[in-house]
Structures are given as structure tokens and as C-alpha cells.
């Protein structure tokens, strides 16, 4: 399999990754404030995602993908953290 094919397969797998706010927050013991930071959105929005039936809203697919990727990163932190640190140090300063 060529590098281009491997990259395409990886992107296709990424595009199939979704996780609900309820599942993500329950699995990692997070409240709406922490979830807002991870998704880079307002606390009010995540409150409605996790709130009662009267105020419940559904998280959009892009946010469900963010939570799925964050779940993957957290679940594999021992392996991924050194890679992320190396990536971070290779980025040009802002």
C-alpha cells in the first residue's frame, strides 16, 4: 500500500469517528466546563448538550468528531504524549 493510500485510509477512518458528549463526559468524568474547553465552545452550549430533556441539544458531527479524537488521545496518552510533545516543540513560535 502506498503512502497516499495509507493517508487516505487514515482520513477515512477519522471521518468515521464520532462520540456523544454524554458518553465522552461520562467516560472521562468531565463536566460541561471542561467539555467546553476541549471543544473550544461556550459553556452554555455544552450545558445544553448535557442538560435535562427540556433544554437538551444535539452536538453537531464536527464536535462529536473532536470528542472522539480527544477520547482516542486520552485513551492512548502513554504512547501519544511523547509524540505530541515532539510535535509541539517542532512548531514555529506564534
N, C-alpha and C. Protein backbone atom coordinates (compact mmCIF):
# COMPACT_ATOMS: atom_id res chain seq x y z
N UNK A 1 0.85 -1.18 0.00
CA UNK A 1 0.00 0.00 0.00
C UNK A 1 0.89 1.24 0.00
N UNK A 2 0.59 2.18 -0.89
CA UNK A 2 1.39 3.40 -1.00
C UNK A 2 1.11 4.35 0.17
N UNK A 3 2.00 5.32 0.34
CA UNK A 3 1.80 6.33 1.40
C UNK A 3 0.51 7.10 1.18
N UNK A 4 0.20 7.43 -0.07
CA UNK A 4 -1.03 8.15 -0.38
C UNK A 4 -2.25 7.32 0.00
N UNK A 5 -2.20 6.03 -0.27
CA UNK A 5 -3.32 5.14 0.09
C UNK A 5 -3.45 5.01 1.60
N UNK A 6 -2.32 4.92 2.30
CA UNK A 6 -2.35 4.86 3.77
C UNK A 6 -2.95 6.13 4.35
N UNK A 7 -2.55 7.27 3.80
CA UNK A 7 -3.09 8.55 4.28
C UNK A 7 -4.59 8.62 4.02
N UNK A 8 -5.02 8.20 2.85
CA UNK A 8 -6.44 8.22 2.50
C UNK A 8 -7.23 7.31 3.44
N UNK A 9 -6.70 6.14 3.73
CA UNK A 9 -7.37 5.20 4.64
C UNK A 9 -7.48 5.79 6.04
N UNK A 10 -6.41 6.44 6.50
CA UNK A 10 -6.41 7.07 7.81
C UNK A 10 -7.46 8.17 7.87
N UNK A 11 -7.54 8.99 6.83
CA UNK A 11 -8.54 10.06 6.80
C UNK A 11 -9.96 9.50 6.78
N UNK A 12 -10.16 8.42 6.07
CA UNK A 12 -11.49 7.79 6.03
C UNK A 12 -11.87 7.26 7.41
N UNK A 13 -10.92 6.66 8.12
CA UNK A 13 -11.20 6.19 9.48
C UNK A 13 -11.51 7.37 10.39
N UNK A 14 -10.76 8.45 10.26
CA UNK A 14 -11.00 9.65 11.06
C UNK A 14 -12.41 10.17 10.81
N UNK A 15 -12.85 10.15 9.57
CA UNK A 15 -14.18 10.67 9.23
C UNK A 15 -15.31 9.80 9.76
N UNK A 16 -14.99 8.64 10.28
CA UNK A 16 -16.00 7.75 10.86
C UNK A 16 -16.00 7.81 12.39
N UNK A 17 -15.15 8.64 12.97
CA UNK A 17 -15.04 8.72 14.43
C UNK A 17 -16.05 9.73 14.99
N UNK A 18 -16.93 9.27 15.84
CA UNK A 18 -17.90 10.13 16.50
C UNK A 18 -18.10 9.66 17.93
N UNK A 19 -18.36 10.60 18.85
CA UNK A 19 -18.65 10.26 20.23
C UNK A 19 -19.58 11.33 20.79
N UNK A 20 -20.62 10.89 21.47
CA UNK A 20 -21.57 11.85 22.02
C UNK A 20 -20.97 12.57 23.23
N UNK A 21 -21.45 13.77 23.51
CA UNK A 21 -20.97 14.49 24.69
C UNK A 21 -21.25 13.71 25.98
N UNK A 22 -22.39 13.03 26.02
CA UNK A 22 -22.75 12.27 27.21
C UNK A 22 -21.76 11.13 27.44
N UNK A 23 -21.45 10.38 26.37
CA UNK A 23 -20.51 9.27 26.50
C UNK A 23 -19.11 9.77 26.87
N UNK A 24 -18.68 10.85 26.21
CA UNK A 24 -17.34 11.38 26.46
C UNK A 24 -17.22 11.90 27.89
N UNK A 25 -18.18 12.70 28.32
CA UNK A 25 -18.08 13.29 29.66
C UNK A 25 -18.19 12.21 30.74
N UNK A 26 -19.01 11.20 30.51
CA UNK A 26 -19.14 10.11 31.48
C UNK A 26 -17.84 9.30 31.56
N UNK A 27 -17.29 8.97 30.39
CA UNK A 27 -16.08 8.14 30.37
C UNK A 27 -14.91 8.81 31.09
N UNK A 28 -14.77 10.14 30.93
CA UNK A 28 -13.62 10.83 31.49
C UNK A 28 -13.96 11.66 32.71
N UNK A 29 -15.20 11.59 33.19
CA UNK A 29 -15.59 12.30 34.40
C UNK A 29 -15.52 13.82 34.25
N UNK A 30 -15.93 14.32 33.10
CA UNK A 30 -15.85 15.74 32.82
C UNK A 30 -17.21 16.41 32.91
N UNK A 31 -17.21 17.64 33.36
CA UNK A 31 -18.41 18.46 33.36
C UNK A 31 -18.46 19.33 32.13
N UNK A 32 -19.50 20.17 32.07
CA UNK A 32 -19.68 20.99 30.88
C UNK A 32 -18.58 22.02 30.70
N UNK A 33 -17.95 22.48 31.78
CA UNK A 33 -16.88 23.47 31.65
C UNK A 33 -15.64 22.88 30.96
N UNK A 34 -15.25 21.68 31.37
CA UNK A 34 -14.10 21.03 30.75
C UNK A 34 -14.40 20.65 29.31
N UNK A 35 -15.62 20.20 29.06
CA UNK A 35 -16.02 19.84 27.71
C UNK A 35 -16.00 21.07 26.80
N UNK A 36 -16.38 22.21 27.32
CA UNK A 36 -16.35 23.46 26.54
C UNK A 36 -14.91 23.80 26.14
N UNK A 37 -13.96 23.59 27.04
CA UNK A 37 -12.56 23.87 26.72
C UNK A 37 -12.05 22.94 25.63
N UNK A 38 -12.38 21.68 25.72
CA UNK A 38 -11.91 20.70 24.74
C UNK A 38 -12.47 21.00 23.35
N UNK A 39 -13.74 21.39 23.29
CA UNK A 39 -14.38 21.67 22.00
C UNK A 39 -14.25 23.12 21.55
N UNK A 40 -13.64 23.97 22.39
CA UNK A 40 -13.45 25.39 22.08
C UNK A 40 -14.77 26.08 21.77
N UNK A 41 -15.73 25.87 22.67
CA UNK A 41 -17.04 26.48 22.53
C UNK A 41 -17.49 27.02 23.89
N UNK A 42 -18.65 27.63 23.92
CA UNK A 42 -19.13 28.23 25.16
C UNK A 42 -19.61 27.15 26.15
N UNK A 43 -19.52 27.50 27.42
CA UNK A 43 -20.04 26.61 28.47
C UNK A 43 -21.55 26.43 28.31
N UNK A 44 -22.22 27.46 27.84
CA UNK A 44 -23.66 27.39 27.64
C UNK A 44 -24.03 26.29 26.65
N UNK A 45 -23.28 26.18 25.58
CA UNK A 45 -23.56 25.14 24.58
C UNK A 45 -23.39 23.76 25.17
N UNK A 46 -22.30 23.53 25.89
CA UNK A 46 -22.09 22.20 26.47
C UNK A 46 -23.09 21.92 27.58
N UNK A 47 -23.53 22.96 28.26
CA UNK A 47 -24.57 22.79 29.27
C UNK A 47 -25.84 22.24 28.62
N UNK A 48 -26.16 22.76 27.45
CA UNK A 48 -27.36 22.27 26.74
C UNK A 48 -27.15 20.86 26.20
N UNK A 49 -25.91 20.51 25.86
CA UNK A 49 -25.66 19.14 25.42
C UNK A 49 -25.87 18.15 26.55
N UNK A 50 -25.46 18.54 27.76
CA UNK A 50 -25.52 17.63 28.91
C UNK A 50 -26.73 17.86 29.79
N UNK A 51 -27.51 18.90 29.50
CA UNK A 51 -28.62 19.30 30.35
C UNK A 51 -29.80 18.34 30.30
N UNK A 52 -30.83 18.73 31.01
CA UNK A 52 -32.05 17.94 31.06
C UNK A 52 -32.78 17.91 29.73
N UNK A 53 -33.80 17.12 29.67
CA UNK A 53 -34.55 16.94 28.42
C UNK A 53 -35.13 18.24 27.87
N UNK A 54 -35.56 19.14 28.75
CA UNK A 54 -36.19 20.37 28.29
C UNK A 54 -35.23 21.26 27.51
N UNK A 55 -33.96 21.26 27.89
CA UNK A 55 -33.01 22.16 27.23
C UNK A 55 -31.98 21.42 26.38
N UNK A 56 -32.14 20.12 26.21
CA UNK A 56 -31.12 19.32 25.53
C UNK A 56 -31.02 19.68 24.05
N UNK A 57 -29.78 19.79 23.61
CA UNK A 57 -29.47 20.00 22.20
C UNK A 57 -28.51 18.90 21.77
N UNK A 58 -28.51 18.61 20.51
CA UNK A 58 -27.62 17.59 19.96
C UNK A 58 -26.32 18.25 19.51
N UNK A 59 -25.22 17.64 19.84
CA UNK A 59 -23.92 18.13 19.37
C UNK A 59 -23.77 17.83 17.89
N UNK A 60 -23.26 18.79 17.15
CA UNK A 60 -23.03 18.59 15.72
C UNK A 60 -21.94 17.57 15.48
N UNK A 61 -21.92 17.01 14.29
CA UNK A 61 -20.94 15.98 13.95
C UNK A 61 -19.49 16.46 14.10
N UNK A 62 -19.15 17.71 13.73
CA UNK A 62 -17.76 18.14 13.95
C UNK A 62 -17.35 18.07 15.43
N UNK A 63 -18.27 18.41 16.34
CA UNK A 63 -17.95 18.35 17.76
C UNK A 63 -17.89 16.92 18.25
N UNK A 64 -18.74 16.06 17.71
CA UNK A 64 -18.68 14.64 18.07
C UNK A 64 -17.36 14.04 17.60
N UNK A 65 -16.84 14.53 16.48
CA UNK A 65 -15.54 14.06 15.99
C UNK A 65 -14.43 14.55 16.91
N UNK A 66 -14.50 15.81 17.35
CA UNK A 66 -13.50 16.34 18.28
C UNK A 66 -13.45 15.49 19.54
N UNK A 67 -14.64 15.14 20.07
CA UNK A 67 -14.68 14.32 21.28
C UNK A 67 -14.13 12.92 21.04
N UNK A 68 -14.38 12.35 19.86
CA UNK A 68 -13.86 11.02 19.54
C UNK A 68 -12.33 11.05 19.45
N UNK A 69 -11.79 12.09 18.82
CA UNK A 69 -10.34 12.21 18.72
C UNK A 69 -9.73 12.45 20.10
N UNK A 70 -10.36 13.31 20.91
CA UNK A 70 -9.87 13.55 22.26
C UNK A 70 -9.92 12.26 23.08
N UNK A 71 -10.97 11.47 22.91
CA UNK A 71 -11.08 10.18 23.60
C UNK A 71 -9.92 9.27 23.20
N UNK A 72 -9.62 9.22 21.91
CA UNK A 72 -8.52 8.40 21.42
C UNK A 72 -7.19 8.87 22.02
N UNK A 73 -6.98 10.19 22.04
CA UNK A 73 -5.74 10.73 22.60
C UNK A 73 -5.62 10.40 24.09
N UNK A 74 -6.70 10.58 24.83
CA UNK A 74 -6.66 10.31 26.27
C UNK A 74 -6.48 8.82 26.55
N UNK A 75 -7.14 7.98 25.77
CA UNK A 75 -7.05 6.53 25.99
C UNK A 75 -5.66 6.00 25.66
N UNK A 76 -4.93 6.71 24.80
CA UNK A 76 -3.61 6.26 24.37
C UNK A 76 -2.52 7.24 24.79
N UNK A 77 -2.74 7.94 25.89
CA UNK A 77 -1.86 9.03 26.32
C UNK A 77 -0.41 8.59 26.51
N UNK A 78 -0.18 7.40 27.03
CA UNK A 78 1.19 6.96 27.28
C UNK A 78 2.02 6.91 26.01
N UNK A 79 1.40 6.51 24.92
CA UNK A 79 2.10 6.41 23.64
C UNK A 79 2.11 7.76 22.93
N UNK A 80 1.01 8.47 23.01
CA UNK A 80 0.83 9.69 22.21
C UNK A 80 1.50 10.91 22.83
N UNK A 81 1.58 11.00 24.15
CA UNK A 81 2.13 12.20 24.78
C UNK A 81 3.53 12.54 24.29
N UNK A 82 4.46 11.60 24.24
CA UNK A 82 5.80 11.95 23.73
C UNK A 82 5.75 12.44 22.27
N UNK A 83 4.87 11.87 21.47
CA UNK A 83 4.74 12.30 20.08
C UNK A 83 4.19 13.73 20.01
N UNK A 84 3.19 14.03 20.86
CA UNK A 84 2.63 15.38 20.88
C UNK A 84 3.65 16.39 21.37
N UNK A 85 4.43 16.02 22.36
CA UNK A 85 5.46 16.93 22.86
C UNK A 85 6.50 17.21 21.78
N UNK A 86 6.90 16.17 21.07
CA UNK A 86 7.87 16.35 19.98
C UNK A 86 7.28 17.24 18.89
N UNK A 87 6.01 17.03 18.54
CA UNK A 87 5.33 17.86 17.55
C UNK A 87 5.27 19.31 18.02
N UNK A 88 4.89 19.51 19.28
CA UNK A 88 4.77 20.85 19.83
C UNK A 88 6.10 21.61 19.75
N UNK A 89 7.18 20.95 20.08
CA UNK A 89 8.49 21.59 20.07
C UNK A 89 9.00 21.88 18.66
N UNK A 90 8.44 21.19 17.68
CA UNK A 90 8.88 21.42 16.30
C UNK A 90 8.08 22.54 15.61
N UNK A 91 7.02 23.02 16.26
CA UNK A 91 6.18 24.07 15.68
C UNK A 91 6.86 25.43 15.85
N UNK A 92 6.74 26.29 14.83
CA UNK A 92 7.31 27.63 14.98
C UNK A 92 6.56 28.43 16.04
N UNK A 93 7.24 29.31 16.77
CA UNK A 93 6.56 30.11 17.80
C UNK A 93 5.54 31.05 17.16
N UNK A 94 4.51 31.37 17.93
CA UNK A 94 3.46 32.28 17.42
C UNK A 94 3.94 33.69 17.32
